[in-house]
Amino acid sequence: MAYSYLGTGWGFPPQFNDQLNSVVMTSDELDIQQSLEILLTTRKGERVMMPDYGCNLDEMVFESMTTTFKTHMAETIRTAILFYEARLDLQNVTIDDSRDAEGIILIVLDYIVRTTNSRFNFVYPFYKNEGSEIK
């Protein structure tokens, strides 16, 4: 198995390859994006050995999308990435509430991968209405 200089880890969500009797792994930019998704969806305290890991975004579901609150949300995300994702330099966090009436907030992360100096963005849909997208 070849190892990547950007990292290789279990895919998210975890999947298993029956033919190889192994876990499906991800590498490079995909591994970083999946790591960001895990960081944004984890509640602080969920990881026993890393109790401060996560963002607690689920606690923000019922908040009004004021400028103050959007700034607080962006800073919470920025701080978590600063401490737990050393492979990238976060350039910008944008909280797009243009679909707030539908119960959807888009969190847009613009970042540069340190090792390759490549620019990427990651869009995380934050659903304020649980189960609203199920048909």
C-alpha atoms as a PDB file:
ATOM      1  CA  MET A   1       0.000   0.000   0.000  1.00  0.00           C
ATOM      2  CA  ALA A   2       1.379   3.399  -0.991  1.00  0.00           C
ATOM      3  CA  TYR A   3       1.222   6.181   1.596  1.00  0.00           C
ATOM      4  CA  SER A   4       0.414   9.748   0.716  1.00  0.00           C
ATOM      5  CA  TYR A   5       2.326  12.770   1.946  1.00  0.00           C
ATOM      6  CA  LEU A   6      -1.040  14.449   2.703  1.00  0.00           C
ATOM      7  CA  GLY A   7      -2.245  11.533   4.756  1.00  0.00           C
ATOM      8  CA  THR A   8      -4.177   8.345   4.378  1.00  0.00           C
ATOM      9  CA  GLY A   9      -6.992   7.302   6.652  1.00  0.00           C
ATOM     10  CA  TRP A  10     -10.251   5.440   6.874  1.00  0.00           C
ATOM     11  CA  GLY A  11     -12.881   6.705   4.493  1.00  0.00           C
ATOM     12  CA  PHE A  12     -15.888   8.495   5.929  1.00  0.00           C
ATOM     13  CA  PRO A  13     -18.328   6.990   6.498  1.00  0.00           C
ATOM     14  CA  PRO A  14     -16.328   3.821   7.173  1.00  0.00           C
ATOM     15  CA  GLN A  15     -16.731   1.156   4.499  1.00  0.00           C
ATOM     16  CA  PHE A  16     -15.264  -2.292   4.146  1.00  0.00           C
ATOM     17  CA  ASN A  17     -13.922  -4.061   1.069  1.00  0.00           C
ATOM     18  CA  ASP A  18     -15.057  -7.690   1.313  1.00  0.00           C
ATOM     19  CA  GLN A  19     -12.778  -8.854  -1.494  1.00  0.00           C
ATOM     20  CA  LEU A  20      -9.628  -7.477   0.148  1.00  0.00           C
ATOM     21  CA  ASN A  21     -10.788  -7.973   3.743  1.00  0.00           C
ATOM     22  CA  SER A  22      -9.850  -4.389   4.520  1.00  0.00           C
ATOM     23  CA  VAL A  23     -11.188  -0.959   5.302  1.00  0.00           C
ATOM     24  CA  VAL A  24     -11.666   1.449   2.385  1.00  0.00           C
ATOM     25  CA  MET A  25      -8.986   4.125   2.756  1.00  0.00           C
ATOM     26  CA  THR A  26      -8.852   7.688   1.411  1.00  0.00           C
ATOM     27  CA  SER A  27      -5.816   9.845   0.680  1.00  0.00           C
ATOM     28  CA  ASP A  28      -4.722  13.323  -0.263  1.00  0.00           C
ATOM     29  CA  GLU A  29      -7.344  16.059  -0.731  1.00  0.00           C
ATOM     30  CA  LEU A  30     -10.266  13.655  -0.267  1.00  0.00           C
ATOM     31  CA  ASP A  31      -8.849  12.655   3.123  1.00  0.00           C
ATOM     32  CA  ILE A  32      -8.656  16.341   4.107  1.00  0.00           C
ATOM     33  CA  GLN A  33     -12.243  16.990   3.003  1.00  0.00           C
ATOM     34  CA  GLN A  34     -13.520  13.994   4.920  1.00  0.00           C
ATOM     35  CA  SER A  35     -11.520  15.126   7.945  1.00  0.00           C
ATOM     36  CA  LEU A  36     -13.211  18.538   7.734  1.00  0.00           C
ATOM     37  CA  GLU A  37     -16.633  16.895   7.563  1.00  0.00           C
ATOM     38  CA  ILE A  38     -15.841  14.789  10.622  1.00  0.00           C
ATOM     39  CA  LEU A  39     -14.602  17.857  12.518  1.00  0.00           C
ATOM     40  CA  LEU A  40     -17.761  19.842  11.692  1.00  0.00           C
ATOM     41  CA  THR A  41     -20.129  17.015  12.633  1.00  0.00           C
ATOM     42  CA  THR A  42     -18.459  15.993  15.896  1.00  0.00           C
ATOM     43  CA  ARG A  43     -19.679  17.258  19.264  1.00  0.00           C
ATOM     44  CA  LYS A  44     -17.094  18.231  21.825  1.00  0.00           C
ATOM     45  CA  GLY A  45     -16.700  15.361  24.281  1.00  0.00           C
ATOM     46  CA  GLU A  46     -17.539  12.613  21.766  1.00  0.00           C
ATOM     47  CA  ARG A  47     -13.897  11.596  21.476  1.00  0.00           C
ATOM     48  CA  VAL A  48     -12.747  10.344  24.836  1.00  0.00           C
ATOM     49  CA  MET A  49      -9.043  10.961  24.222  1.00  0.00           C
ATOM     50  CA  MET A  50      -9.664  14.363  22.571  1.00  0.00           C
ATOM     51  CA  PRO A  51     -12.537  15.974  24.522  1.00  0.00           C
ATOM     52  CA  ASP A  52     -12.156  19.402  22.857  1.00  0.00           C
ATOM     53  CA  TYR A  53     -12.309  17.996  19.290  1.00  0.00           C
ATOM     54  CA  GLY A  54     -15.381  19.143  17.350  1.00  0.00           C
ATOM     55  CA  CYS A  55     -17.570  22.176  16.777  1.00  0.00           C
ATOM     56  CA  ASN A  56     -20.943  21.508  18.491  1.00  0.00           C
ATOM     57  CA  LEU A  57     -22.774  22.888  15.453  1.00  0.00           C
ATOM     58  CA  ASP A  58     -25.895  20.950  16.441  1.00  0.00           C
ATOM     59  CA  GLU A  59     -26.281  23.280  19.437  1.00  0.00           C
ATOM     60  CA  MET A  60     -26.618  26.188  17.006  1.00  0.00           C
ATOM     61  CA  VAL A  61     -29.684  24.870  15.181  1.00  0.00           C
ATOM     62  CA  PHE A  62     -32.255  27.196  16.750  1.00  0.00           C
ATOM     63  CA  GLU A  63     -30.194  30.384  16.758  1.00  0.00           C
ATOM     64  CA  SER A  64     -31.227  33.412  14.706  1.00  0.00           C
ATOM     65  CA  MET A  65     -28.865  34.130  11.829  1.00  0.00           C
ATOM     66  CA  THR A  66     -27.727  37.526  13.024  1.00  0.00           C
ATOM     67  CA  THR A  67     -24.358  38.963  12.052  1.00  0.00           C
ATOM     68  CA  THR A  68     -23.124  38.355  15.597  1.00  0.00           C
ATOM     69  CA  PHE A  69     -24.191  34.724  15.538  1.00  0.00           C
ATOM     70  CA  LYS A  70     -22.698  34.081  12.070  1.00  0.00           C
ATOM     71  CA  THR A  71     -19.420  35.571  13.302  1.00  0.00           C
ATOM     72  CA  HIS A  72     -19.529  33.310  16.373  1.00  0.00           C
ATOM     73  CA  MET A  73     -20.210  30.246  14.203  1.00  0.00           C
ATOM     74  CA  ALA A  74     -17.376  31.118  11.801  1.00  0.00           C
ATOM     75  CA  GLU A  75     -14.924  31.671  14.675  1.00  0.00           C
ATOM     76  CA  THR A  76     -15.908  28.353  16.292  1.00  0.00           C
ATOM     77  CA  ILE A  77     -15.155  26.584  13.010  1.00  0.00           C
ATOM     78  CA  ARG A  78     -11.951  28.566  12.426  1.00  0.00           C
ATOM     79  CA  THR A  79     -10.652  27.702  15.910  1.00  0.00           C
ATOM     80  CA  ALA A  80     -11.434  23.993  15.524  1.00  0.00           C
ATOM     81  CA  ILE A  81      -9.624  23.856  12.182  1.00  0.00           C
ATOM     82  CA  LEU A  82      -6.654  25.757  13.582  1.00  0.00           C
ATOM     83  CA  PHE A  83      -6.206  23.196  16.369  1.00  0.00           C
ATOM     84  CA  TYR A  84      -7.196  19.962  14.594  1.00  0.00           C
ATOM     85  CA  GLU A  85      -6.366  20.222  10.881  1.00  0.00           C
ATOM     86  CA  ALA A  86      -2.701  21.133  10.504  1.00  0.00           C
ATOM     87  CA  ARG A  87      -2.522  20.156   6.826  1.00  0.00           C
ATOM     88  CA  LEU A  88      -4.225  23.331   5.642  1.00  0.00           C
ATOM     89  CA  ASP A  89      -4.212  27.087   5.987  1.00  0.00           C
ATOM     90  CA  LEU A  90      -7.774  28.323   6.295  1.00  0.00           C
ATOM     91  CA  GLN A  91      -8.259  31.426   4.167  1.00  0.00           C
ATOM     92  CA  ASN A  92     -11.926  32.179   4.741  1.00  0.00           C
ATOM     93  CA  VAL A  93     -15.062  30.882   6.437  1.00  0.00           C
ATOM     94  CA  THR A  94     -18.307  32.095   4.889  1.00  0.00           C
ATOM     95  CA  ILE A  95     -21.705  31.444   6.436  1.00  0.00           C
ATOM     96  CA  ASP A  96     -24.238  31.629   3.575  1.00  0.00           C
ATOM     97  CA  ASP A  97     -27.723  32.009   5.024  1.00  0.00           C
ATOM     98  CA  SER A  98     -29.471  32.834   1.733  1.00  0.00           C
ATOM     99  CA  ARG A  99     -31.483  29.581   2.087  1.00  0.00           C
ATOM    100  CA  ASP A 100     -32.277  30.083   5.784  1.00  0.00           C
ATOM    101  CA  ALA A 101     -36.032  30.083   5.068  1.00  0.00           C
ATOM    102  CA  GLU A 102     -35.606  26.525   3.735  1.00  0.00           C
ATOM    103  CA  GLY A 103     -33.656  25.558   6.864  1.00  0.00           C
ATOM    104  CA  ILE A 104     -30.291  25.283   5.087  1.00  0.00           C
ATOM    105  CA  ILE A 105     -27.125  27.182   5.985  1.00  0.00           C
ATOM    106  CA  LEU A 106     -24.071  26.648   3.767  1.00  0.00           C
ATOM    107  CA  ILE A 107     -20.689  26.776   5.469  1.00  0.00           C
ATOM    108  CA  VAL A 108     -18.040  27.523   2.849  1.00  0.00           C
ATOM    109  CA  LEU A 109     -14.396  26.929   3.748  1.00  0.00           C
ATOM    110  CA  ASP A 110     -11.669  28.274   1.460  1.00  0.00           C
ATOM    111  CA  TYR A 111      -8.248  26.841   2.240  1.00  0.00           C
ATOM    112  CA  ILE A 112      -4.766  26.145   0.940  1.00  0.00           C
ATOM    113  CA  VAL A 113      -3.158  22.742   1.414  1.00  0.00           C
ATOM    114  CA  ARG A 114       0.211  23.553   2.977  1.00  0.00           C
ATOM    115  CA  THR A 115       2.230  20.785   1.349  1.00  0.00           C
ATOM    116  CA  THR A 116       1.097  21.421  -2.221  1.00  0.00           C
ATOM    117  CA  ASN A 117       0.102  25.110  -1.998  1.00  0.00           C
ATOM    118  CA  SER A 118      -3.121  24.124  -3.817  1.00  0.00           C
ATOM    119  CA  ARG A 119      -6.337  26.036  -3.222  1.00  0.00           C
ATOM    120  CA  PHE A 120      -9.577  24.216  -2.435  1.00  0.00           C
ATOM    121  CA  ASN A 121     -12.975  24.927  -1.026  1.00  0.00           C
ATOM    122  CA  PHE A 122     -15.316  22.765   0.992  1.00  0.00           C
ATOM    123  CA  VAL A 123     -19.053  23.413   1.256  1.00  0.00           C
ATOM    124  CA  TYR A 124     -20.808  21.900   4.244  1.00  0.00           C
ATOM    125  CA  PRO A 125     -24.624  22.027   4.261  1.00  0.00           C
ATOM    126  CA  PHE A 126     -25.909  22.688   7.782  1.00  0.00           C
ATOM    127  CA  TYR A 127     -29.562  21.628   8.010  1.00  0.00           C
ATOM    128  CA  LYS A 128     -31.573  23.511  10.612  1.00  0.00           C
ATOM    129  CA  ASN A 129     -34.648  21.318  10.084  1.00  0.00           C
ATOM    130  CA  GLU A 130     -33.695  17.761  10.921  1.00  0.00           C
ATOM    131  CA  GLY A 131     -34.954  15.246   8.384  1.00  0.00           C
ATOM    132  CA  SER A 132     -36.361  17.919   6.053  1.00  0.00           C
ATOM    133  CA  GLU A 133     -34.517  16.567   3.004  1.00  0.00           C
ATOM    134  CA  ILE A 134     -35.943  13.039   3.342  1.00  0.00           C
ATOM    135  CA  LYS A 135     -38.518  12.227   0.679  1.00  0.00           C
END
